[in-house]
Amino acid sequence: MAFEIKVINTQESLESTRALCQELRQKLTACKASLDHYKRKDQPAFSQWYTTNLPEERERAARTQYANELLSLVHEVEETAFLEMISDKKAYKLVLQRKDPAYIAKGKQAEEEFIKILTSAFGMNPEDFQEGIPPFDYQEPQDIFTPLDKAQDLSESDSAHLKKTYRDLARKLHPDSNQNLSAEEKELWTEVQDAYKNKDSDLLEHLAAQLEGHITGFTGVTSEKMLQQIAQGLKSQLRSTEKLIRKYKNIHDWDFAAILIDPKRLKRRRLAVERRCDRFAAEVEEGIAALEAQIEQWKKPADKKKPTRNRSHYKSGNPHSSGPST
């Protein structure tokens, strides 16, 4: 039986993984720069242009708000009908009653009377109810299922190593010592604090490797396993960032700062925005018509059907008979 011996060049594999991490970080940095430009430049430019050049959209916005109010009312009626096990018409009347200012004032008065009764009976302070303080020296139950603190599992040497790693990261990432931190470094500092609070030594080592990669391009990371973990994290971040960019590219304000200084592109974008607004306005009006029709049905009084008699009982001449005589 012949065995195949495969020789793996550890250093070559390490360099390949390090190069992959550097490539992923470059792509992620470029994507984040695009998102940052979109939020700082494109969105404000589009908002200002939209408000100035399309004033009729204010009326459409008011109609949209009216449609949302109708939809909220219909949902509340349907939920009340389900919970109270009553018809939609009765639920509609009940919802309107709850919205009546007189009904609300009456409920507040009843609540005040109830608090007075408890105060006189048990000597409680009414301000406790207003501030939401539980009465009767109430104590929150202890959660017996809370996980054990990881600090109990750390040995003295592990705890010392954890503190040393945290101090090294704090010197590089703490905002008081570093005034010019990037957004990525600020996010990394938050993760470092959470990891130290949870006594997660492995995560803290991972974050230290990430920071080293951010500063030196991963040249100081000699563990291939750590580099592979970093690569997986970078891939996950890159996928989510690219997905967000694809979503924003379908919105009319993407790259609008550049469109604004190009008359031809601006004209095409305006036509696209107006067509989209027209379609949306038509959908809103259609929805309003449907919701108003539903509410009108609830406003109508219930039909009172007269009881019908079974006249077949009287065919035999005996009104007490249960059916025709045989």
Protein backbone atom coordinates (compact mmCIF):
# COMPACT_ATOMS: atom_id res chain seq x y z
CA MET A 1 0.00 0.00 0.00
CA ALA A 2 1.43 3.33 -1.12
CA PHE A 3 1.03 6.44 0.97
CA GLU A 4 1.13 9.94 -0.49
CA ILE A 5 3.09 12.40 1.58
CA LYS A 6 1.99 16.01 1.16
CA VAL A 7 4.37 18.68 2.31
CA ILE A 8 2.77 21.92 3.45
CA ASN A 9 4.82 25.07 3.41
CA THR A 10 3.71 26.75 6.63
CA GLN A 11 5.38 30.05 5.85
CA GLU A 12 3.83 30.20 2.37
CA SER A 13 0.37 29.46 3.80
CA LEU A 14 0.89 32.13 6.45
CA GLU A 15 1.86 34.74 3.86
CA SER A 16 -1.11 33.80 1.67
CA THR A 17 -3.55 34.23 4.58
CA ARG A 18 -1.90 37.52 5.54
CA ALA A 19 -2.26 38.78 1.95
CA LEU A 20 -5.93 37.78 1.96
CA CYS A 21 -6.51 39.76 5.16
CA GLN A 22 -4.83 42.81 3.66
CA GLU A 23 -6.95 42.55 0.50
CA LEU A 24 -10.18 42.19 2.47
CA ARG A 25 -9.30 45.15 4.68
CA GLN A 26 -8.61 47.34 1.65
CA LYS A 27 -11.98 46.43 0.11
CA LEU A 28 -13.75 47.02 3.41
CA THR A 29 -12.07 50.41 3.85
CA ALA A 30 -13.14 51.46 0.35
CA CYS A 31 -16.74 50.38 0.98
CA LYS A 32 -16.88 52.22 4.28
CA ALA A 33 -15.48 55.34 2.61
CA SER A 34 -18.29 55.17 0.03
CA LEU A 35 -20.90 54.86 2.77
CA ASP A 36 -19.36 57.73 4.70
CA HIS A 37 -19.42 59.96 1.60
CA TYR A 38 -23.04 58.99 0.95
CA LYS A 39 -24.16 59.95 4.46
CA ARG A 40 -22.11 63.15 4.70
CA LYS A 41 -22.53 64.50 1.16
CA ASP A 42 -25.21 62.76 -0.91
CA GLN A 43 -28.05 62.56 1.59
CA PRO A 44 -27.92 66.24 2.72
CA ALA A 45 -27.59 67.44 -0.90
CA PHE A 46 -30.60 65.43 -2.04
CA SER A 47 -32.71 66.49 0.94
CA GLN A 48 -32.06 70.17 0.27
CA TRP A 49 -32.70 69.81 -3.47
CA TYR A 50 -35.86 67.78 -2.90
CA THR A 51 -37.35 70.36 -0.52
CA THR A 52 -36.49 73.29 -2.78
CA ASN A 53 -37.44 71.89 -6.20
CA LEU A 54 -40.43 69.69 -5.40
CA PRO A 55 -42.68 71.74 -3.08
CA GLU A 56 -45.81 69.77 -4.11
CA GLU A 57 -44.39 66.82 -2.22
CA ARG A 58 -45.38 68.46 1.06
CA GLU A 59 -49.05 67.87 0.25
CA ARG A 60 -48.26 64.28 -0.70
CA ALA A 61 -46.41 63.85 2.57
CA ALA A 62 -49.50 65.05 4.43
CA ARG A 63 -51.62 62.51 2.55
CA THR A 64 -49.13 59.81 3.43
CA GLN A 65 -49.36 60.74 7.10
CA TYR A 66 -53.18 60.62 6.86
CA ALA A 67 -52.95 57.15 5.30
CA ASN A 68 -50.70 55.97 8.13
CA GLU A 69 -53.19 57.27 10.70
CA LEU A 70 -56.04 55.40 9.01
CA LEU A 71 -53.96 52.24 8.83
CA SER A 72 -53.09 52.53 12.52
CA LEU A 73 -56.80 52.91 13.37
CA VAL A 74 -57.75 49.84 11.31
CA HIS A 75 -55.02 47.76 12.96
CA GLU A 76 -56.17 48.87 16.41
CA VAL A 77 -59.77 47.94 15.61
CA GLU A 78 -58.81 44.52 14.30
CA GLU A 79 -56.60 43.86 17.33
CA THR A 80 -59.38 44.94 19.71
CA ALA A 81 -61.88 42.71 17.92
CA PHE A 82 -59.53 39.75 18.26
CA LEU A 83 -58.65 40.33 21.92
CA GLU A 84 -62.18 41.17 23.07
CA MET A 85 -63.78 38.51 20.80
CA ILE A 86 -66.30 40.98 19.41
CA SER A 87 -67.29 42.09 15.93
CA ASP A 88 -65.31 44.72 14.03
CA LYS A 89 -68.19 47.20 14.31
CA LYS A 90 -68.29 46.90 18.10
CA ALA A 91 -64.51 47.09 18.24
CA TYR A 92 -64.59 50.29 16.13
CA LYS A 93 -67.02 51.92 18.57
CA LEU A 94 -64.89 50.78 21.51
CA VAL A 95 -61.70 52.22 19.98
CA LEU A 96 -63.40 55.57 19.31
CA GLN A 97 -64.66 55.60 22.89
CA ARG A 98 -61.14 55.05 24.19
CA LYS A 99 -59.90 57.98 22.12
CA ASP A 100 -62.62 60.30 23.46
CA PRO A 101 -61.07 62.98 25.75
CA ALA A 102 -63.95 62.62 28.20
CA TYR A 103 -63.32 58.87 28.43
CA ILE A 104 -59.58 59.46 28.98
CA ALA A 105 -60.28 62.04 31.69
CA LYS A 106 -62.69 59.63 33.38
CA GLY A 107 -60.03 56.90 33.34
CA LYS A 108 -57.47 59.23 34.92
CA GLN A 109 -59.96 60.21 37.60
CA ALA A 110 -60.62 56.54 38.39
CA GLU A 111 -56.87 55.92 38.60
CA GLU A 112 -56.45 58.81 41.02
CA GLU A 113 -59.27 57.48 43.19
CA PHE A 114 -57.64 54.04 43.22
CA ILE A 115 -54.30 55.54 44.31
CA LYS A 116 -56.04 57.46 47.10
CA ILE A 117 -57.62 54.26 48.37
CA LEU A 118 -54.25 52.45 48.43
CA THR A 119 -52.63 55.44 50.11
CA SER A 120 -55.20 55.60 52.88
CA ALA A 121 -55.35 51.83 53.36
CA PHE A 122 -51.63 51.02 53.34
CA GLY A 123 -49.97 54.39 54.05
CA MET A 124 -48.21 54.53 50.69
CA ASN A 125 -46.76 57.62 49.06
CA PRO A 126 -48.69 58.63 45.90
CA GLU A 127 -45.44 59.90 44.31
CA ASP A 128 -44.20 56.30 44.19
CA PHE A 129 -46.89 55.50 41.65
CA GLN A 130 -46.04 58.49 39.49
CA GLU A 131 -42.32 57.66 39.48
CA GLY A 132 -42.97 53.99 38.80
CA ILE A 133 -41.44 52.75 42.07
CA PRO A 134 -42.83 49.32 43.03
CA PRO A 135 -44.70 49.48 46.36
CA PHE A 136 -44.34 47.34 49.50
CA ASP A 137 -40.48 47.30 49.37
CA TYR A 138 -40.66 45.12 46.29
CA GLN A 139 -37.40 43.40 45.34
CA GLU A 140 -36.60 42.19 41.87
CA PRO A 141 -36.23 38.39 41.75
CA GLN A 142 -32.71 37.16 41.15
CA ASP A 143 -32.21 35.33 37.88
CA ILE A 144 -30.88 31.90 38.82
CA PHE A 145 -30.05 31.18 35.19
CA THR A 146 -27.46 33.94 34.75
CA PRO A 147 -24.21 32.51 33.39
CA LEU A 148 -21.22 32.27 35.68
CA ASP A 149 -18.73 35.08 35.50
CA LYS A 150 -15.81 34.11 33.30
CA ALA A 151 -13.47 35.75 35.79
CA GLN A 152 -13.99 32.75 38.10
CA ASP A 153 -12.51 30.46 35.43
CA LEU A 154 -9.38 32.55 34.88
CA SER A 155 -6.22 31.63 36.67
CA GLU A 156 -3.97 34.26 38.19
CA SER A 157 -1.60 34.18 35.21
CA ASP A 158 -4.49 34.35 32.70
CA SER A 159 -5.99 37.28 34.56
CA ALA A 160 -2.65 39.10 34.53
CA HIS A 161 -2.27 38.44 30.79
CA LEU A 162 -5.81 39.72 30.21
CA LYS A 163 -5.04 42.97 32.04
CA LYS A 164 -1.74 43.41 30.18
CA THR A 165 -3.47 42.96 26.80
CA TYR A 166 -6.18 45.41 27.78
CA ARG A 167 -3.64 48.02 28.95
CA ASP A 168 -1.73 47.72 25.65
CA LEU A 169 -4.93 48.22 23.69
CA ALA A 170 -6.03 51.10 25.91
CA ARG A 171 -2.77 52.98 25.23
CA LYS A 172 -3.48 52.77 21.50
CA LEU A 173 -7.27 53.22 21.47
CA HIS A 174 -8.36 55.23 24.50
CA PRO A 175 -9.95 58.52 23.31
CA ASP A 176 -8.23 60.53 26.07
CA SER A 177 -4.78 59.51 24.83
CA ASN A 178 -5.60 59.46 21.12
CA GLN A 179 -7.53 62.42 19.78
CA ASN A 180 -7.42 61.44 16.09
CA LEU A 181 -9.01 57.99 16.20
CA SER A 182 -10.80 56.80 13.07
CA ALA A 183 -14.37 55.54 13.16
CA GLU A 184 -13.09 51.97 12.84
CA GLU A 185 -10.71 52.42 15.77
CA LYS A 186 -13.51 53.89 17.92
CA GLU A 187 -15.68 50.89 17.13
CA LEU A 188 -12.77 48.60 17.96
CA TRP A 189 -12.30 50.35 21.32
CA THR A 190 -15.95 49.69 22.20
CA GLU A 191 -15.48 46.00 21.42
CA VAL A 192 -12.30 45.93 23.52
CA GLN A 193 -14.16 47.34 26.53
CA ASP A 194 -16.94 44.77 26.17
CA ALA A 195 -14.44 41.92 25.87
CA TYR A 196 -12.54 43.05 28.97
CA LYS A 197 -15.77 43.48 30.92
CA ASN A 198 -16.79 39.91 30.02
CA LYS A 199 -13.25 38.62 30.78
CA ASP A 200 -13.09 37.15 27.27
CA SER A 201 -9.36 36.64 26.78
CA ASP A 202 -9.69 35.00 23.35
CA LEU A 203 -11.78 37.87 21.94
CA LEU A 204 -9.34 40.40 23.39
CA GLU A 205 -6.44 38.65 21.63
CA HIS A 206 -8.45 38.65 18.41
CA LEU A 207 -9.11 42.39 18.70
CA ALA A 208 -5.44 43.03 19.40
CA ALA A 209 -4.56 41.18 16.19
CA GLN A 210 -7.16 43.20 14.30
CA LEU A 211 -5.65 46.45 15.56
CA GLU A 212 -2.14 45.28 14.66
CA GLY A 213 -3.42 44.45 11.17
CA HIS A 214 -5.03 47.85 10.89
CA ILE A 215 -1.75 49.58 11.79
CA THR A 216 0.95 47.41 10.20
CA GLY A 217 -0.92 45.31 7.64
CA PHE A 218 -0.83 42.08 9.73
CA THR A 219 2.94 41.75 9.46
CA GLY A 220 3.22 41.21 13.21
CA VAL A 221 0.58 38.47 13.40
CA THR A 222 2.45 35.15 13.29
CA SER A 223 -0.44 32.80 14.09
CA GLU A 224 -2.16 31.46 10.97
CA LYS A 225 -5.20 30.44 13.01
CA MET A 226 -5.57 34.02 14.24
CA LEU A 227 -5.20 35.33 10.67
CA GLN A 228 -7.88 32.92 9.46
CA GLN A 229 -10.24 34.14 12.17
CA ILE A 230 -9.56 37.74 11.18
CA ALA A 231 -10.18 36.89 7.52
CA GLN A 232 -13.54 35.34 8.37
CA GLY A 233 -14.53 38.42 10.35
CA LEU A 234 -13.45 40.73 7.53
CA LYS A 235 -15.43 38.68 5.00
CA SER A 236 -18.54 38.93 7.15
CA GLN A 237 -18.16 42.70 7.54
CA LEU A 238 -17.50 43.11 3.81
CA ARG A 239 -20.63 41.13 2.87
CA SER A 240 -22.88 43.17 5.14
CA THR A 241 -21.34 46.48 3.97
CA GLU A 242 -21.70 45.57 0.28
CA LYS A 243 -25.30 44.52 0.88
CA LEU A 244 -26.00 47.91 2.48
CA ILE A 245 -24.40 49.71 -0.47
CA ARG A 246 -26.53 47.76 -2.96
CA LYS A 247 -29.60 48.82 -1.00
CA TYR A 248 -28.61 52.50 -1.00
CA LYS A 249 -27.79 52.44 -4.72
CA ASN A 250 -31.48 51.78 -5.42
CA ILE A 251 -32.37 55.06 -3.71
CA HIS A 252 -32.41 58.31 -5.68
CA ASP A 253 -29.98 60.13 -3.37
CA TRP A 254 -27.01 57.84 -4.06
CA ASP A 255 -24.12 59.81 -5.63
CA PHE A 256 -26.34 62.91 -5.65
CA ALA A 257 -23.53 65.31 -4.74
CA ALA A 258 -21.92 64.53 -8.11
CA ILE A 259 -25.26 64.50 -9.95
CA LEU A 260 -26.09 67.95 -8.63
CA ILE A 261 -23.29 69.58 -10.63
CA ASP A 262 -24.12 67.70 -13.85
CA PRO A 263 -27.23 69.25 -15.55
CA LYS A 264 -27.93 66.26 -17.81
CA ARG A 265 -27.75 63.71 -14.99
CA LEU A 266 -29.76 66.02 -12.73
CA LYS A 267 -32.53 66.28 -15.33
CA ARG A 268 -32.73 62.51 -15.69
CA ARG A 269 -32.72 62.05 -11.92
CA ARG A 270 -35.52 64.60 -11.48
CA LEU A 271 -37.71 62.77 -14.03
CA ALA A 272 -37.05 59.48 -12.22
CA VAL A 273 -37.89 61.01 -8.84
CA GLU A 274 -41.12 62.55 -10.17
CA ARG A 275 -42.23 59.25 -11.74
CA ARG A 276 -41.54 57.42 -8.51
CA CYS A 277 -43.42 60.05 -6.50
CA ASP A 278 -46.41 59.83 -8.86
CA ARG A 279 -46.55 56.05 -8.51
CA PHE A 280 -46.23 56.27 -4.76
CA ALA A 281 -48.94 58.97 -4.55
CA ALA A 282 -51.31 56.78 -6.60
CA GLU A 283 -50.68 53.86 -4.26
CA VAL A 284 -51.30 56.09 -1.23
CA GLU A 285 -54.62 57.36 -2.62
CA GLU A 286 -55.68 53.82 -3.46
CA GLY A 287 -54.86 52.72 0.07
CA ILE A 288 -56.73 55.68 1.58
CA ALA A 289 -59.83 54.84 -0.48
CA ALA A 290 -59.76 51.21 0.71
CA LEU A 291 -59.25 52.16 4.35
CA GLU A 292 -62.00 54.79 4.29
CA ALA A 293 -64.40 52.29 2.70
CA GLN A 294 -63.63 49.80 5.47
CA ILE A 295 -64.21 52.39 8.17
CA GLU A 296 -67.51 53.46 6.55
CA GLN A 297 -68.70 49.86 6.77
CA TRP A 298 -67.98 49.88 10.49
CA LYS A 299 -69.88 53.15 10.94
CA LYS A 300 -73.08 51.72 9.47
CA PRO A 301 -75.56 50.37 12.04
CA ALA A 302 -75.87 46.63 12.24
CA ASP A 303 -78.72 45.14 10.23
CA LYS A 304 -81.54 43.90 12.47
CA LYS A 305 -82.96 40.83 10.82
CA LYS A 306 -86.49 39.85 11.74
CA PRO A 307 -86.93 36.26 12.88
CA THR A 308 -88.52 34.12 10.20
CA ARG A 309 -91.20 31.55 10.90
CA ASN A 310 -91.23 28.08 9.47
CA ARG A 311 -94.72 28.10 7.93
CA SER A 312 -94.54 24.41 7.14
CA HIS A 313 -95.63 23.83 10.75
CA TYR A 314 -99.06 25.21 9.94
CA LYS A 315 -99.78 23.14 6.88
CA SER A 316 -101.51 20.45 8.95
CA GLY A 317 -103.60 22.98 10.86
CA ASN A 318 -101.84 22.13 14.10
CA PRO A 319 -99.51 24.97 15.12
CA HIS A 320 -97.82 22.72 17.72
CA SER A 321 -96.92 19.99 15.29
CA SER A 322 -93.26 19.48 14.52
CA GLY A 323 -93.85 18.85 10.82
CA PRO A 324 -96.48 18.02 8.26
CA SER A 325 -99.04 15.40 9.33
CA THR A 326 -98.72 11.97 7.86
